[in-house]
Protein backbone atom coordinates (compact mmCIF):
# COMPACT_ATOMS: atom_id res chain seq x y z
CA MET A 1 -33.03 55.38 38.44
CA GLU A 2 -35.01 58.35 40.08
CA THR A 3 -33.32 61.39 41.28
CA LEU A 4 -33.87 62.70 44.48
CA LEU A 5 -36.12 65.52 43.38
CA GLU A 6 -38.19 63.08 41.47
CA GLN A 7 -38.43 60.80 44.62
CA GLN A 8 -39.51 63.89 46.70
CA ARG A 9 -42.15 64.97 44.11
CA ARG A 10 -43.69 61.42 44.04
CA TYR A 11 -43.76 61.28 47.99
CA HIS A 12 -45.77 64.46 48.06
CA GLU A 13 -48.14 63.25 45.44
CA GLU A 14 -48.40 59.86 47.18
CA ARG A 15 -49.27 61.85 50.53
CA GLU A 16 -52.01 63.91 48.83
CA ARG A 17 -53.46 60.86 47.12
CA LEU A 18 -53.45 59.04 50.57
CA MET A 19 -54.99 61.95 52.21
CA ASP A 20 -57.93 62.17 49.70
CA ALA A 21 -58.44 58.60 49.81
CA MET A 22 -58.69 58.62 53.61
CA VAL A 23 -61.19 61.30 53.48
CA GLN A 24 -63.39 59.42 50.93
CA GLU A 25 -63.20 56.16 52.93
CA ARG A 26 -64.50 58.16 56.16
CA LEU A 27 -67.32 59.69 54.18
CA ILE A 28 -68.66 56.67 52.53
CA ASN A 29 -71.60 54.89 54.26
CA LYS A 30 -71.07 51.46 55.58
CA ALA A 31 -73.73 49.22 55.19
CA SER A 32 -72.80 46.51 57.60
CA HIS A 33 -70.29 45.53 60.43
CA ARG A 34 -68.08 43.77 57.90
CA ASP A 35 -67.67 46.91 55.76
CA SER A 36 -66.82 49.03 58.78
CA ILE A 37 -64.19 46.76 59.84
CA ASN A 38 -62.72 46.56 56.45
CA SER A 39 -62.80 50.13 55.98
CA GLU A 40 -60.86 50.81 59.11
CA HIS A 41 -58.11 48.41 58.22
CA ARG A 42 -58.01 50.18 54.69
CA GLN A 43 -57.48 53.50 56.71
CA ARG A 44 -54.96 51.88 58.96
CA ALA A 45 -52.89 50.79 56.06
CA MET A 46 -52.97 54.20 54.37
CA ILE A 47 -52.07 55.83 57.73
CA ASP A 48 -49.07 53.65 57.95
CA ARG A 49 -48.22 54.35 54.27
CA TYR A 50 -48.50 58.09 54.96
CA ASP A 51 -46.28 57.86 57.83
CA GLU A 52 -43.55 56.04 55.74
CA CYS A 53 -43.76 58.68 52.93
CA THR A 54 -43.49 61.37 55.58
CA LEU A 55 -40.34 59.76 57.02
CA SER A 56 -38.71 59.47 53.70
CA LEU A 57 -39.48 63.07 52.93
CA ARG A 58 -37.95 64.13 56.14
CA GLU A 59 -34.78 62.22 55.37
CA ILE A 60 -34.59 63.89 51.84
CA TYR A 61 -35.15 67.48 53.32
CA GLU A 62 -32.55 66.77 55.98
CA ASP A 63 -30.16 66.09 53.14
CA LYS A 64 -27.45 64.57 55.52
CA ASP A 65 -25.29 63.17 52.75
CA GLY A 66 -25.70 66.45 50.69
CA GLN A 67 -26.90 64.64 47.65
CA ARG A 68 -30.16 66.93 47.30
CA LYS A 69 -28.05 70.06 47.49
CA GLU A 70 -25.71 68.85 44.82
CA GLU A 71 -28.65 67.81 42.56
CA VAL A 72 -30.23 71.32 42.88
CA ALA A 73 -27.05 72.93 42.27
CA ALA A 74 -26.49 71.07 39.12
CA LEU A 75 -29.95 72.02 37.93
CA SER A 76 -29.51 75.61 38.74
CA GLY A 77 -25.88 76.02 37.63
CA PRO A 78 -24.36 77.49 34.57
CA ASN A 79 -24.37 73.99 32.91
CA GLU A 80 -28.20 73.22 33.42
CA PHE A 81 -28.72 72.32 29.63
CA ALA A 82 -25.71 69.81 29.87
CA GLU A 83 -27.33 68.21 33.02
CA PHE A 84 -30.75 68.02 31.29
CA TYR A 85 -29.33 66.26 28.25
CA SER A 86 -27.38 63.92 30.40
CA ARG A 87 -30.46 62.90 32.26
CA LEU A 88 -32.31 62.64 28.89
CA LYS A 89 -29.52 60.28 27.55
CA GLN A 90 -29.86 58.17 30.96
CA ILE A 91 -33.58 57.85 30.38
CA LYS A 92 -33.24 56.74 26.54
CA ASP A 93 -30.42 54.17 27.63
CA PHE A 94 -32.81 52.83 30.10
CA HIS A 95 -35.57 52.20 27.92
CA ARG A 96 -33.03 50.76 25.09
CA ARG A 97 -32.00 48.25 27.58
CA HIS A 98 -35.62 47.40 28.80
CA PRO A 99 -37.75 47.93 25.74
CA GLY A 100 -40.90 46.23 27.10
CA GLU A 101 -40.82 48.30 30.41
CA VAL A 102 -44.21 49.80 31.37
CA SER A 103 -44.68 52.61 33.59
CA VAL A 104 -47.61 52.21 35.80
CA PRO A 105 -48.99 55.69 37.04
CA MET A 106 -49.92 55.91 40.79
CA SER A 107 -53.37 56.88 39.77
CA VAL A 108 -53.98 53.22 38.87
CA GLU A 109 -53.37 51.95 42.18
CA PHE A 110 -55.90 54.55 43.95
CA ASP A 111 -58.44 53.75 41.12
CA GLU A 112 -58.32 50.23 42.26
CA LEU A 113 -58.67 51.51 45.64
CA LYS A 114 -61.97 53.32 44.71
CA LYS A 115 -63.53 50.23 43.17
CA ILE A 116 -62.86 48.26 46.45
CA ARG A 117 -64.34 51.25 48.36
CA GLU A 118 -67.43 51.24 46.05
CA ASN A 119 -67.99 47.38 46.26
CA PRO A 120 -67.38 46.45 49.85
CA GLY A 121 -69.44 43.36 49.78
CA ASP A 122 -67.02 41.09 47.74
CA GLU A 123 -65.43 38.40 49.80
CA VAL A 124 -62.00 39.09 48.11
CA ASN A 125 -61.97 42.56 49.59
CA ASN A 126 -61.93 41.25 53.28
CA MET A 127 -59.00 42.60 55.02
CA VAL A 128 -58.71 40.22 58.00
CA GLU A 129 -60.00 36.90 58.96
CA PHE A 130 -62.32 35.72 61.86
CA SER A 131 -63.54 32.34 62.99
CA ASP A 132 -67.34 31.37 62.53
CA GLU A 133 -67.96 31.94 66.11
CA GLU A 134 -66.54 35.60 66.01
CA GLY A 135 -69.09 36.58 63.30
CA TYR A 136 -66.53 38.94 61.59
CA GLY A 137 -65.67 40.67 64.85
CA LYS A 138 -69.23 40.92 66.38
CA PHE A 139 -68.42 38.31 69.09
CA LEU A 140 -65.63 36.90 71.14
CA ASP A 141 -64.46 33.23 70.59
CA LEU A 142 -63.04 32.31 73.94
CA HIS A 143 -63.54 28.37 73.68
CA GLU A 144 -59.87 27.58 73.60
CA CYS A 145 -59.11 29.98 76.70
CA TYR A 146 -62.17 28.48 78.53
CA ASP A 147 -60.82 25.04 77.98
CA LYS A 148 -57.36 25.96 79.61
CA PHE A 149 -59.22 27.76 82.39
CA ILE A 150 -61.47 24.93 83.64
CA ASN A 151 -58.20 22.62 83.65
CA LEU A 152 -56.54 24.82 85.89
CA LYS A 153 -55.90 23.36 89.36
CA GLY A 154 -57.98 24.67 92.29
CA VAL A 155 -60.25 26.74 90.16
CA ASP A 156 -64.15 26.44 90.33
CA ARG A 157 -65.63 25.05 87.17
CA VAL A 158 -68.23 27.24 85.58
CA ASP A 159 -70.27 27.20 82.36
CA TYR A 160 -68.99 29.27 79.19
CA ILE A 161 -71.50 32.06 79.76
CA SER A 162 -70.29 32.57 83.28
CA TYR A 163 -66.68 32.44 82.02
CA ILE A 164 -67.46 35.12 79.42
CA THR A 165 -68.86 37.52 82.31
CA SER A 166 -66.12 36.72 84.73
CA PHE A 167 -62.91 35.97 82.80
CA ASP A 168 -61.53 39.33 84.09
CA GLN A 169 -62.15 38.61 87.78
CA LEU A 170 -58.71 37.25 88.26
CA TYR A 171 -58.45 38.85 91.66
CA ASP A 172 -60.93 36.01 92.86
CA ILE A 173 -58.18 33.30 92.17
CA SER A 174 -55.93 32.55 95.01
CA ARG A 175 -52.23 33.63 94.77
CA ASP A 176 -51.14 30.18 95.61
CA ARG A 177 -52.77 28.89 92.48
CA LYS A 178 -51.07 31.27 90.16
CA GLY A 179 -48.39 29.05 88.94
CA GLY A 180 -46.89 27.82 85.62
CA GLU A 181 -50.17 26.79 83.96
CA TYR A 182 -51.75 29.78 85.10
CA ARG A 183 -49.32 31.97 83.34
CA GLN A 184 -49.80 29.94 80.19
CA TYR A 185 -53.50 30.52 80.56
CA LEU A 186 -52.86 34.44 81.21
CA SER A 187 -50.51 34.54 78.18
CA SER A 188 -53.12 32.76 75.90
CA LEU A 189 -56.03 34.80 77.03
CA SER A 190 -53.88 38.10 76.77
CA ASP A 191 -52.65 37.17 73.35
CA TYR A 192 -56.22 36.41 72.04
CA LEU A 193 -57.79 39.76 73.46
CA TYR A 194 -54.86 41.74 72.04
CA GLY A 195 -55.28 40.18 68.72
CA PHE A 196 -59.11 40.54 68.75
CA ILE A 197 -58.81 44.35 69.36
CA ASN A 198 -56.06 44.71 66.57
CA ARG A 199 -58.48 42.87 64.30
CA THR A 200 -61.74 44.74 65.14
CA ARG A 201 -60.42 48.17 65.98
CA PRO A 202 -57.26 48.72 63.96
CA LEU A 203 -57.30 52.61 64.28
CA LEU A 204 -56.85 52.15 67.98
CA ASP A 205 -53.41 52.57 69.02
CA ILE A 206 -53.35 49.67 71.53
CA ASP A 207 -49.62 49.69 71.86
CA SER A 208 -49.69 53.16 73.22
CA GLU A 209 -52.61 52.23 75.54
CA MET A 210 -50.48 49.35 76.91
CA ASN A 211 -47.31 51.60 77.27
CA GLU A 212 -49.27 53.88 79.23
CA LEU A 213 -50.61 51.30 81.56
CA LEU A 214 -47.26 49.78 82.20
CA GLN A 215 -45.73 53.19 83.04
CA ASP A 216 -48.12 53.33 85.98
CA PHE A 217 -47.89 49.84 86.84
CA ASP A 218 -44.62 49.77 88.93
CA GLY A 219 -45.94 52.30 91.43
CA LYS A 220 -49.36 50.81 91.82
CA PHE A 221 -47.97 47.29 92.31
CA GLU A 222 -45.48 48.73 95.03
CA ARG A 223 -48.35 50.56 96.66
CA GLY A 224 -50.59 47.40 96.62
CA GLU A 225 -53.24 49.21 94.40
CA CYS A 226 -53.43 46.45 91.76
CA PRO A 227 -56.61 44.22 92.08
CA GLY A 228 -55.87 41.03 94.02
CA TRP A 229 -52.32 42.23 94.86
CA ALA A 230 -52.64 44.39 97.95
CA ARG A 231 -49.69 44.94 100.24
CA GLU A 232 -50.71 42.40 102.68
CA GLN A 233 -50.81 39.96 100.11
CA VAL A 234 -47.32 40.49 98.56
CA GLY A 235 -45.59 42.27 101.25
CA ALA A 236 -43.01 41.05 103.78
CA MET A 237 -45.52 38.76 105.55
CA ALA A 238 -46.36 36.63 102.38
CA HIS A 239 -42.94 36.43 101.18
CA THR A 240 -40.08 36.63 103.99
CA GLY A 241 -42.34 36.47 106.95
CA ALA A 242 -43.08 38.86 109.77
CA HIS A 243 -41.87 38.35 113.24
CA LEU A 244 -44.66 37.83 116.02
CA ASP A 245 -44.42 38.84 119.67
CA LEU A 246 -45.06 35.80 121.68
CA SER A 247 -45.14 37.70 125.07
CA ALA A 248 -48.60 38.17 124.81
CA PHE A 249 -49.73 34.61 124.37
CA SER A 250 -49.80 32.02 127.41
CA SER A 251 -50.59 28.89 125.46
CA HIS A 252 -50.47 27.55 121.69
CA GLU A 253 -54.16 27.40 121.69
CA GLU A 254 -54.23 31.27 121.94
CA LEU A 255 -51.75 31.19 119.09
CA ALA A 256 -53.91 29.08 116.90
CA SER A 257 -56.52 31.74 116.95
CA LEU A 258 -54.26 33.94 114.64
CA GLY A 259 -54.98 31.51 111.63
CA LEU A 260 -52.82 29.64 109.30
CA ASP A 261 -51.39 32.65 107.35
CA ARG A 262 -50.19 34.75 110.39
CA LEU A 263 -48.57 31.61 111.84
CA LYS A 264 -46.88 30.69 108.60
CA SER A 265 -45.62 34.21 108.42
CA GLY A 266 -44.09 34.07 111.92
CA LEU A 267 -42.37 30.54 111.14
CA ILE A 268 -41.00 31.60 107.83
CA ALA A 269 -39.62 34.79 109.70
CA LEU A 270 -37.65 32.28 112.08
CA GLY A 271 -36.60 29.97 109.30
CA LEU A 272 -38.58 27.21 110.92
CA LYS A 273 -40.80 24.82 109.03
CA CYS A 274 -44.14 26.34 108.19
CA GLY A 275 -46.37 23.23 107.00
CA GLY A 276 -49.00 21.34 108.92
CA THR A 277 -52.36 21.96 110.62
CA VAL A 278 -53.17 25.11 112.69
CA GLN A 279 -52.37 23.30 115.87
CA GLU A 280 -48.99 21.97 114.80
CA ARG A 281 -48.01 25.42 113.42
CA ALA A 282 -48.93 27.05 116.80
CA GLU A 283 -47.21 24.28 118.97
CA ARG A 284 -44.01 24.86 116.75
CA LEU A 285 -44.04 28.62 116.99
CA PHE A 286 -44.85 28.56 120.79
CA MET A 287 -41.93 26.31 121.55
CA THR A 288 -39.69 29.26 120.40
CA LYS A 289 -41.00 31.40 123.22
CA GLY A 290 -38.09 32.67 125.53
CA LYS A 291 -35.58 30.55 123.44
CA LYS A 292 -32.72 31.59 121.18
CA LEU A 293 -32.61 29.95 117.68
CA SER A 294 -29.57 28.06 118.62
CA GLU A 295 -31.35 26.29 121.44
CA LEU A 296 -33.93 24.96 119.20
CA ASN A 297 -34.09 21.49 117.75
CA PRO A 298 -32.33 21.51 114.29
CA ALA A 299 -35.23 19.25 113.09
CA LEU A 300 -37.48 22.08 113.30
CA PHE A 301 -35.62 24.30 110.84
CA ALA A 302 -36.66 24.35 107.05
CA LYS A 303 -33.93 22.80 104.64
CA ASN A 304 -33.85 26.14 102.55
CA LYS A 305 -32.59 29.26 103.90
CA PRO A 306 -34.95 31.91 104.71
CA GLY A 307 -35.65 34.31 101.54
CA LYS A 308 -33.70 32.07 99.29
CA GLY A 309 -35.51 32.62 95.77
CA GLY A 310 -37.70 35.26 96.94
CA LYS A 311 -36.79 37.99 94.57
CA LYS A 312 -37.16 35.60 91.76
CA ASP A 313 -40.54 34.55 93.09
CA ALA A 314 -41.44 38.22 93.52
CA ASP A 315 -40.40 38.91 89.81
CA LYS A 316 -42.64 36.10 88.66
CA LEU A 317 -45.66 37.47 90.73
CA LYS A 318 -45.10 41.00 89.39
CA GLU A 319 -44.94 39.53 85.90
CA ILE A 320 -48.38 37.82 86.47
CA ALA A 321 -49.66 40.98 87.91
CA LYS A 322 -48.72 42.92 84.92
CA VAL A 323 -50.30 40.64 82.47
CA GLU A 324 -53.63 40.70 84.69
CA ALA A 325 -53.43 44.59 84.47
CA GLN A 326 -53.24 44.23 80.63
CA ILE A 327 -56.16 41.76 80.55
CA TYR A 328 -58.35 44.36 82.78
CA ARG A 329 -57.81 46.91 80.28
CA PHE A 330 -58.60 44.93 77.45
CA ALA A 331 -61.78 43.79 79.23
CA GLU A 332 -62.80 47.43 79.54
CA LEU A 333 -62.28 48.08 75.75
CA LEU A 334 -64.32 45.10 74.82
CA SER A 335 -67.33 45.61 77.14
CA GLU A 336 -69.87 46.03 74.52
CA VAL A 337 -68.63 42.93 72.45
CA ARG A 338 -68.51 41.02 75.57
CA ASN A 339 -72.29 41.76 76.38
CA ASP A 340 -73.13 40.89 72.71
CA THR A 341 -71.19 37.67 72.88
CA VAL A 342 -73.34 36.61 75.97
CA GLU A 343 -76.54 37.38 74.21
CA ASN A 344 -75.36 35.49 71.07
CA VAL A 345 -74.50 32.41 73.23
CA GLU A 346 -77.76 32.33 75.22
CA ARG A 347 -79.79 32.74 71.91
CA LYS A 348 -77.80 29.90 70.47
CA GLN A 349 -78.32 27.59 73.45
CA ALA A 350 -82.06 28.25 73.49
CA ARG A 351 -82.41 26.93 70.00
CA THR A 352 -83.53 23.35 69.43
CA ASP A 353 -81.60 20.87 67.43
CA ALA A 354 -83.45 21.12 64.37
CA GLU A 355 -83.37 25.18 64.67
CA ARG A 356 -79.55 25.00 65.22
CA GLU A 357 -78.99 22.50 62.10
CA GLU A 358 -81.09 24.93 59.93
CA SER A 359 -79.14 28.05 61.30
CA GLU A 360 -75.88 26.26 60.44
CA GLY A 361 -77.10 25.40 56.95
CA GLU A 362 -78.31 28.89 56.36
CA VAL A 363 -74.87 30.35 57.56
CA SER A 364 -72.97 27.87 55.33
CA GLU A 365 -75.15 28.86 52.24
CA GLU A 366 -75.81 32.58 52.84
CA GLU A 367 -72.47 33.76 54.45
CA PRO A 368 -70.28 33.48 51.26
CA GLU A 369 -72.47 35.69 49.29
CA GLU A 370 -73.01 38.43 52.21
CA GLU A 371 -76.29 40.05 50.87
CA PRO A 372 -76.73 43.68 51.75
CA ASP A 373 -78.70 44.46 54.80
CA ASP A 374 -81.11 46.60 53.01
CA ASP A 375 -82.44 43.72 50.78
CA ILE A 376 -86.25 43.12 50.93
CA PRO A 377 -86.99 39.55 52.35
CA TYR A 378 -89.28 36.94 50.48
CA ASN A 379 -92.52 37.60 52.01
CA PRO A 380 -95.40 36.70 49.52
CA LYS A 381 -98.12 36.59 52.31
CA ASN A 382 -97.05 40.06 53.57
CA LEU A 383 -96.54 38.73 57.15
CA PRO A 384 -95.19 41.07 59.79
CA LEU A 385 -91.49 41.03 60.22
CA GLY A 386 -89.85 39.66 63.70
CA TRP A 387 -87.01 40.63 65.69
CA ASP A 388 -84.29 39.31 63.04
CA GLY A 389 -85.97 41.14 60.35
CA LYS A 390 -87.52 38.11 58.75
CA PRO A 391 -91.30 37.34 58.38
CA ILE A 392 -92.65 35.54 61.50
CA PRO A 393 -94.13 31.92 61.04
CA TYR A 394 -97.70 31.79 59.65
CA TRP A 395 -99.05 29.76 62.57
CA LEU A 396 -97.87 32.52 64.90
CA TYR A 397 -99.63 34.91 62.53
CA LYS A 398 -102.86 33.14 62.87
CA LEU A 399 -102.58 32.42 66.64
CA HIS A 400 -102.47 36.15 67.34
CA GLY A 401 -105.38 36.79 65.10
CA LEU A 402 -103.16 38.98 62.78
CA ASN A 403 -105.02 37.86 59.76
CA ILE A 404 -108.26 39.69 61.09
CA SER A 405 -108.59 43.36 60.17
CA TYR A 406 -110.53 45.92 62.18
CA ASN A 407 -111.44 49.26 60.73
CA CYS A 408 -112.03 52.44 62.79
CA GLU A 409 -113.84 55.31 61.35
CA ILE A 410 -113.25 57.49 64.20
CA CYS A 411 -109.41 57.03 63.62
CA GLY A 412 -109.80 58.15 59.90
CA ASN A 413 -110.55 54.52 58.71
CA TYR A 414 -107.33 53.25 60.05
CA THR A 415 -106.94 49.49 60.05
CA TYR A 416 -105.82 47.48 62.88
CA LYS A 417 -104.42 43.85 62.39
CA GLY A 418 -105.50 41.54 65.33
CA PRO A 419 -107.56 41.90 68.30
CA LYS A 420 -104.92 42.87 70.60
CA ALA A 421 -103.75 45.93 68.60
CA PHE A 422 -107.55 46.83 68.08
CA GLN A 423 -108.29 46.82 71.92
CA ARG A 424 -105.05 48.88 72.66
CA HIS A 425 -105.71 51.52 70.11
CA PHE A 426 -108.92 52.87 71.99
CA ALA A 427 -106.36 54.47 74.73
CA GLU A 428 -103.86 55.63 71.98
CA TRP A 429 -103.34 59.15 70.56
CA ARG A 430 -105.16 58.42 67.31
CA HIS A 431 -108.50 57.50 68.51
CA ALA A 432 -108.35 60.07 71.41
CA HIS A 433 -107.73 62.71 68.70
CA GLY A 434 -110.61 61.52 66.72
CA MET A 435 -112.97 61.61 69.60
CA ARG A 436 -111.72 65.12 70.60
CA CYS A 437 -112.50 66.46 67.08
CA LEU A 438 -116.01 65.13 67.38
CA GLY A 439 -116.40 66.91 70.87
CA ILE A 440 -116.98 63.78 72.69
CA PRO A 441 -114.82 62.58 75.84
CA ASN A 442 -112.86 59.49 75.19
CA THR A 443 -114.35 57.51 78.16
CA ALA A 444 -114.95 53.89 78.88
CA HIS A 445 -118.47 54.39 77.65
CA PHE A 446 -117.22 54.43 74.12
CA ALA A 447 -115.22 51.23 74.33
CA ASN A 448 -115.30 49.16 70.99
CA VAL A 449 -117.47 51.98 69.24
CA THR A 450 -115.69 52.63 65.82
CA GLN A 451 -118.55 54.37 63.88
CA ILE A 452 -118.94 58.15 64.01
CA GLU A 453 -122.74 57.66 63.88
CA ASP A 454 -122.88 55.44 66.85
CA ALA A 455 -120.67 57.62 68.78
CA MET A 456 -122.83 60.61 68.29
CA ALA A 457 -125.89 58.68 69.18
CA LEU A 458 -124.42 57.21 72.33
CA TRP A 459 -123.24 60.61 73.40
CA GLU A 460 -126.74 62.18 72.89
CA LYS A 461 -128.17 59.20 74.93
CA LEU A 462 -125.57 59.79 77.49
CA LYS A 463 -126.28 63.46 77.79
CA VAL A 464 -130.12 63.00 78.41
CA GLN A 465 -129.33 60.36 80.89
CA LYS A 466 -126.89 62.73 82.65
CA PHE A 467 -129.46 65.42 82.53
CA ASP A 468 -132.05 63.17 84.07
CA GLU A 469 -129.75 62.18 86.79
CA ALA A 470 -128.62 65.79 87.54
CA TRP A 471 -129.91 67.58 90.69
CA LYS A 472 -133.11 69.77 90.15
CA PRO A 473 -133.55 72.19 92.84
CA ASP A 474 -137.09 73.08 91.89
CA GLN A 475 -138.30 69.56 92.12
CA GLU A 476 -135.96 67.87 94.54
CA GLU A 477 -135.22 70.73 97.12
CA GLU A 478 -137.84 70.30 100.06
CA TYR A 479 -139.54 72.92 102.10
CA GLU A 480 -141.81 72.84 105.31
CA ASP A 481 -144.73 75.12 105.99
CA SER A 482 -145.99 76.30 109.37
CA LYS A 483 -148.29 73.46 109.68
CA GLY A 484 -145.53 70.79 109.12
CA ASN A 485 -146.34 70.01 105.41
CA VAL A 486 -143.40 69.07 103.26
CA VAL A 487 -143.54 70.35 99.82
CA ASN A 488 -141.02 71.10 96.97
CA LYS A 489 -139.34 74.47 96.34
CA LYS A 490 -141.85 75.34 93.45
CA THR A 491 -144.94 74.63 95.31
CA TYR A 492 -143.53 76.26 98.26
CA GLU A 493 -142.88 79.67 96.50
CA ASP A 494 -146.47 79.49 94.69
CA LEU A 495 -148.19 79.16 98.11
CA LYS A 496 -146.03 81.87 99.58
CA ARG A 497 -146.87 84.25 96.55
CA GLN A 498 -150.60 83.48 97.10
CA GLY A 499 -150.41 84.22 100.87
CA LEU A 500 -151.79 80.73 101.59
CA LEU A 501 -148.98 79.82 104.16
């Protein structure tokens, strides 16, 4: 049996080893999303274990029963050698009774943890389970919740993608529709989102997030600040009714203009039946004008007393609002995963049946092995890679003319694949830099010119042509003499110098 001091030493050692393991876990590079989630779960387990060791150490140091003090006194007292030999005798007796007992040092456990950390790709090292649809925490799998949602009464049916983008818009659902089935649906949705966050973000203290949310919930609910639960929706008018002054109305037609909800509220306040059409409610309420309740026909009164069961219903509604508030918070935390899920579903729906079957076959064959992301794909024809990191189809490669190479001497003999890239490169920086080095402007005259010799010859030709087209004052500027003869500037100046004008 371990002594308290030995337990104290072991807890300190365990804390230090856990701290070192957590640092190494944080520093190691995670190659994939799966490795990141598994790493966070290992960190979460180490943090919990660290807290347990800390609590045990605290209890030992507090020494409420005084055993630690007695043990220290026995070791430091006048009979310390007697205490030493007594403990040695206990150790020998233990091993005599258990001759095959092997002591496993704590370092062995942490060495195993190090091996797991260095080989994260093994399926055995997975710390948590996900469905195929969830892609090990990359996407949401709301199919079960979606089935429950579309089976709710009075709810508009939407497709799965629309449901993913709007499952947190619970304020759009009428309060009258929020009954028992709706509460079951909310509970199912909340449990799934809570479990998904715990599985994908184990280092997030979701319980403290929920406690903080619930602390402010009561005040917000009373003030009507919760989405879909404004005061006019859950106040006295909605539950116990609000009295209506009928002196301003001269007929039941004027009362009907108030609408169903206001008329219902006025009838509930008087304890009358509140069903029927707008006209029936208005007539029933207008009959009470100028009369006492005792003078009214007893058949007009509702069977249940006004306000009966109101508090119970209010508590149920408040409980629903509380779960809705939690779902709003879950949706905020999962906003990025939600967007990725929409893209994934749209991508799957855009596939043909053959592509879908091929994709399912690839998943079933490749997923158990989980090859590292940095592996070089099989590409014997050296085709360009697509958006998924795999070579594009060969027919697409030839369709875009990527099998045709174009060399540009001006760009330093750089090779361009396909006519589209070749035409586009004339306006890019590499070609513009080469033309600038040659002292030639990169204008439209030099389109499709790739040889330096051709570019220089064309530039010389353009300079001559530009010179010929330039304005020459000596030849093109006209002057008129005293007799009305029109001559150019050079001739005019020669005649002027000779005095012939």
